[in-house]
PDB file of N, CA and C in Angstrom:
ATOM      1  N   MET A   1     126.950 146.495  81.537  1.00  0.00           N
ATOM      2  CA  MET A   1     126.701 147.212  82.733  1.00  0.00           C
ATOM      3  C   MET A   1     125.228 147.736  82.714  1.00  0.00           C
ATOM      4  N   THR A   2     125.189 148.301  81.413  1.00  0.00           N
ATOM      5  CA  THR A   2     123.947 149.286  81.496  1.00  0.00           C
ATOM      6  C   THR A   2     122.653 148.549  81.489  1.00  0.00           C
ATOM      7  N   ALA A   3     122.627 147.319  80.832  1.00  0.00           N
ATOM      8  CA  ALA A   3     121.547 146.219  80.496  1.00  0.00           C
ATOM      9  C   ALA A   3     121.319 145.839  82.343  1.00  0.00           C
ATOM     10  N   TRP A   4     122.390 145.458  82.715  1.00  0.00           N
ATOM     11  CA  TRP A   4     122.369 145.295  84.173  1.00  0.00           C
ATOM     12  C   TRP A   4     121.766 146.042  85.253  1.00  0.00           C
ATOM     13  N   ILE A   5     122.089 147.479  84.973  1.00  0.00           N
ATOM     14  CA  ILE A   5     121.525 148.482  85.851  1.00  0.00           C
ATOM     15  C   ILE A   5     120.043 148.568  85.703  1.00  0.00           C
ATOM     16  N   GLU A   6     119.555 148.541  84.376  1.00  0.00           N
ATOM     17  CA  GLU A   6     118.364 148.720  83.777  1.00  0.00           C
ATOM     18  C   GLU A   6     117.301 147.597  84.100  1.00  0.00           C
ATOM     19  N   ALA A   7     118.007 146.250  84.275  1.00  0.00           N
ATOM     20  CA  ALA A   7     117.080 145.010  84.641  1.00  0.00           C
ATOM     21  C   ALA A   7     116.820 144.905  86.150  1.00  0.00           C
ATOM     22  N   THR A   8     118.139 145.619  86.834  1.00  0.00           N
ATOM     23  CA  THR A   8     117.785 145.397  88.167  1.00  0.00           C
ATOM     24  C   THR A   8     117.139 146.671  89.073  1.00  0.00           C
ATOM     25  N   GLY A   9     117.219 147.895  88.395  1.00  0.00           N
ATOM     26  CA  GLY A   9     116.853 148.930  88.952  1.00  0.00           C
ATOM     27  C   GLY A   9     117.807 149.482  89.929  1.00  0.00           C
ATOM     28  N   ALA A  10     118.931 149.305  89.742  1.00  0.00           N
ATOM     29  CA  ALA A  10     119.967 149.440  90.505  1.00  0.00           C
ATOM     30  C   ALA A  10     119.981 151.172  90.489  1.00  0.00           C
ATOM     31  N   ILE A  11     120.119 152.012  91.702  1.00  0.00           N
ATOM     32  CA  ILE A  11     120.016 153.411  91.841  1.00  0.00           C
ATOM     33  C   ILE A  11     121.564 153.937  92.294  1.00  0.00           C
ATOM     34  N   GLY A  12     122.590 152.959  92.703  1.00  0.00           N
ATOM     35  CA  GLY A  12     123.780 153.482  93.326  1.00  0.00           C
ATOM     36  C   GLY A  12     124.701 153.189  92.299  1.00  0.00           C
ATOM     37  N   LEU A  13     124.278 152.889  90.949  1.00  0.00           N
ATOM     38  CA  LEU A  13     125.134 152.687  89.798  1.00  0.00           C
ATOM     39  C   LEU A  13     124.806 153.330  88.227  1.00  0.00           C
ATOM     40  N   GLN A  14     125.733 154.041  87.866  1.00  0.00           N
ATOM     41  CA  GLN A  14     125.398 154.923  86.772  1.00  0.00           C
ATOM     42  C   GLN A  14     126.078 154.822  85.721  1.00  0.00           C
ATOM     43  N   SER A  15     126.006 154.422  84.007  1.00  0.00           N
ATOM     44  CA  SER A  15     126.835 154.382  82.979  1.00  0.00           C
ATOM     45  C   SER A  15     126.487 155.120  82.145  1.00  0.00           C
ATOM     46  N   ARG A  16     127.474 155.705  81.583  1.00  0.00           N
ATOM     47  CA  ARG A  16     127.236 156.477  80.284  1.00  0.00           C
ATOM     48  C   ARG A  16     128.456 156.200  79.378  1.00  0.00           C
ATOM     49  N   ALA A  17     127.913 156.219  77.962  1.00  0.00           N
ATOM     50  CA  ALA A  17     128.764 155.918  77.045  1.00  0.00           C
ATOM     51  C   ALA A  17     129.344 157.354  76.216  1.00  0.00           C
ATOM     52  N   GLY A  18     130.311 157.124  75.559  1.00  0.00           N
ATOM     53  CA  GLY A  18     130.892 158.437  74.810  1.00  0.00           C
ATOM     54  C   GLY A  18     132.275 158.586  75.344  1.00  0.00           C
ATOM     55  N   ARG A  19     132.719 159.898  74.793  1.00  0.00           N
ATOM     56  CA  ARG A  19     134.024 160.282  75.135  1.00  0.00           C
ATOM     57  C   ARG A  19     134.095 160.541  76.408  1.00  0.00           C
ATOM     58  N   TYR A  20     133.402 161.063  77.255  1.00  0.00           N
ATOM     59  CA  TYR A  20     133.515 161.409  78.773  1.00  0.00           C
ATOM     60  C   TYR A  20     132.727 160.653  79.684  1.00  0.00           C
ATOM     61  N   GLY A  21     132.351 159.376  79.150  1.00  0.00           N
ATOM     62  CA  GLY A  21     131.619 158.371  79.558  1.00  0.00           C
ATOM     63  C   GLY A  21     132.495 157.638  80.712  1.00  0.00           C
ATOM     64  N   GLY A  22     131.612 156.661  81.384  1.00  0.00           N
ATOM     65  CA  GLY A  22     132.311 155.866  82.240  1.00  0.00           C
ATOM     66  C   GLY A  22     131.399 155.568  83.234  1.00  0.00           C
ATOM     67  N   THR A  23     131.580 154.586  84.312  1.00  0.00           N
ATOM     68  CA  THR A  23     130.779 153.833  85.071  1.00  0.00           C
ATOM     69  C   THR A  23     130.923 154.449  86.496  1.00  0.00           C
ATOM     70  N   TYR A  24     130.118 154.836  86.945  1.00  0.00           N
ATOM     71  CA  TYR A  24     129.940 155.709  88.142  1.00  0.00           C
ATOM     72  C   TYR A  24     129.196 155.049  89.478  1.00  0.00           C
ATOM     73  N   ALA A  25     129.883 155.019  90.615  1.00  0.00           N
ATOM     74  CA  ALA A  25     129.194 154.337  91.533  1.00  0.00           C
ATOM     75  C   ALA A  25     128.907 155.113  93.237  1.00  0.00           C
ATOM     76  N   HIS A  26     128.068 154.547  93.872  1.00  0.00           N
ATOM     77  CA  HIS A  26     128.085 155.492  95.129  1.00  0.00           C
ATOM     78  C   HIS A  26     129.148 155.118  95.993  1.00  0.00           C
ATOM     79  N   ARG A  27     129.582 155.646  97.135  1.00  0.00           N
ATOM     80  CA  ARG A  27     130.717 156.122  97.675  1.00  0.00           C
ATOM     81  C   ARG A  27     130.860 154.632  98.153  1.00  0.00           C
ATOM     82  N   GLU A  28     129.827 154.202  98.746  1.00  0.00           N
ATOM     83  CA  GLU A  28     129.929 152.689  99.571  1.00  0.00           C
ATOM     84  C   GLU A  28     130.053 151.428  98.923  1.00  0.00           C
ATOM     85  N   ILE A  29     129.437 151.963  97.589  1.00  0.00           N
ATOM     86  CA  ILE A  29     129.880 150.697  96.438  1.00  0.00           C
ATOM     87  C   ILE A  29     131.287 150.674  96.102  1.00  0.00           C
ATOM     88  N   ALA A  30     131.530 151.761  95.617  1.00  0.00           N
ATOM     89  CA  ALA A  30     132.968 152.137  95.184  1.00  0.00           C
ATOM     90  C   ALA A  30     134.004 151.378  96.333  1.00  0.00           C
ATOM     91  N   LEU A  31     133.555 151.826  97.443  1.00  0.00           N
ATOM     92  CA  LEU A  31     134.757 151.589  98.816  1.00  0.00           C
ATOM     93  C   LEU A  31     134.619 149.744  98.828  1.00  0.00           C
ATOM     94  N   ASN A  32     133.597 149.389  98.514  1.00  0.00           N
ATOM     95  CA  ASN A  32     133.569 147.722  98.847  1.00  0.00           C
ATOM     96  C   ASN A  32     134.167 147.283  97.580  1.00  0.00           C
ATOM     97  N   PHE A  33     134.190 147.707  96.358  1.00  0.00           N
ATOM     98  CA  PHE A  33     134.780 147.018  95.417  1.00  0.00           C
ATOM     99  C   PHE A  33     136.165 147.375  95.453  1.00  0.00           C
ATOM    100  N   CYS A  34     136.729 148.273  96.044  1.00  0.00           N
ATOM    101  CA  CYS A  34     138.441 148.746  96.489  1.00  0.00           C
ATOM    102  C   CYS A  34     138.923 147.392  97.393  1.00  0.00           C
ATOM    103  N   TYR A  35     137.911 147.206  98.330  1.00  0.00           N
ATOM    104  CA  TYR A  35     138.319 146.195  99.529  1.00  0.00           C
ATOM    105  C   TYR A  35     138.290 144.833  98.869  1.00  0.00           C
ATOM    106  N   TRP A  36     137.440 144.703  97.755  1.00  0.00           N
ATOM    107  CA  TRP A  36     137.418 143.234  97.440  1.00  0.00           C
ATOM    108  C   TRP A  36     138.886 143.159  96.345  1.00  0.00           C
ATOM    109  N   LEU A  37     138.958 144.332  95.603  1.00  0.00           N
ATOM    110  CA  LEU A  37     140.319 144.078  94.732  1.00  0.00           C
ATOM    111  C   LEU A  37     141.710 143.929  95.586  1.00  0.00           C
ATOM    112  N   SER A  38     141.690 144.916  96.702  1.00  0.00           N
ATOM    113  CA  SER A  38     142.975 144.650  97.705  1.00  0.00           C
ATOM    114  C   SER A  38     142.578 144.740  99.103  1.00  0.00           C
ATOM    115  N   PRO A  39     142.371 143.547  99.790  1.00  0.00           N
ATOM    116  CA  PRO A  39     141.991 143.764 101.203  1.00  0.00           C
ATOM    117  C   PRO A  39     143.002 144.284 101.844  1.00  0.00           C
ATOM    118  N   THR A  40     144.041 144.515 101.699  1.00  0.00           N
ATOM    119  CA  THR A  40     144.973 145.670 102.407  1.00  0.00           C
ATOM    120  C   THR A  40     144.437 147.014 102.535  1.00  0.00           C
ATOM    121  N   PHE A  41     143.563 147.689 101.707  1.00  0.00           N
ATOM    122  CA  PHE A  41     143.214 148.878 101.685  1.00  0.00           C
ATOM    123  C   PHE A  41     141.966 148.981 102.428  1.00  0.00           C
ATOM    124  N   GLN A  42     141.510 147.817 102.821  1.00  0.00           N
ATOM    125  CA  GLN A  42     140.604 148.247 104.047  1.00  0.00           C
ATOM    126  C   GLN A  42     141.052 148.223 105.505  1.00  0.00           C
ATOM    127  N   VAL A  43     142.356 147.827 105.649  1.00  0.00           N
ATOM    128  CA  VAL A  43     143.245 148.152 106.987  1.00  0.00           C
ATOM    129  C   VAL A  43     143.758 149.293 107.208  1.00  0.00           C
TER     130      VAL A  43
END
């Protein structure tokens, strides 16, 4: 994920390694991902 973020210059995503790391996304990106996972979430 980190390589893709750096290669594309994505500003809506952030990835951190380590104990408290994770991948964080802008609210709109996160919601669209939720809709993709479960279409009933969108309704």
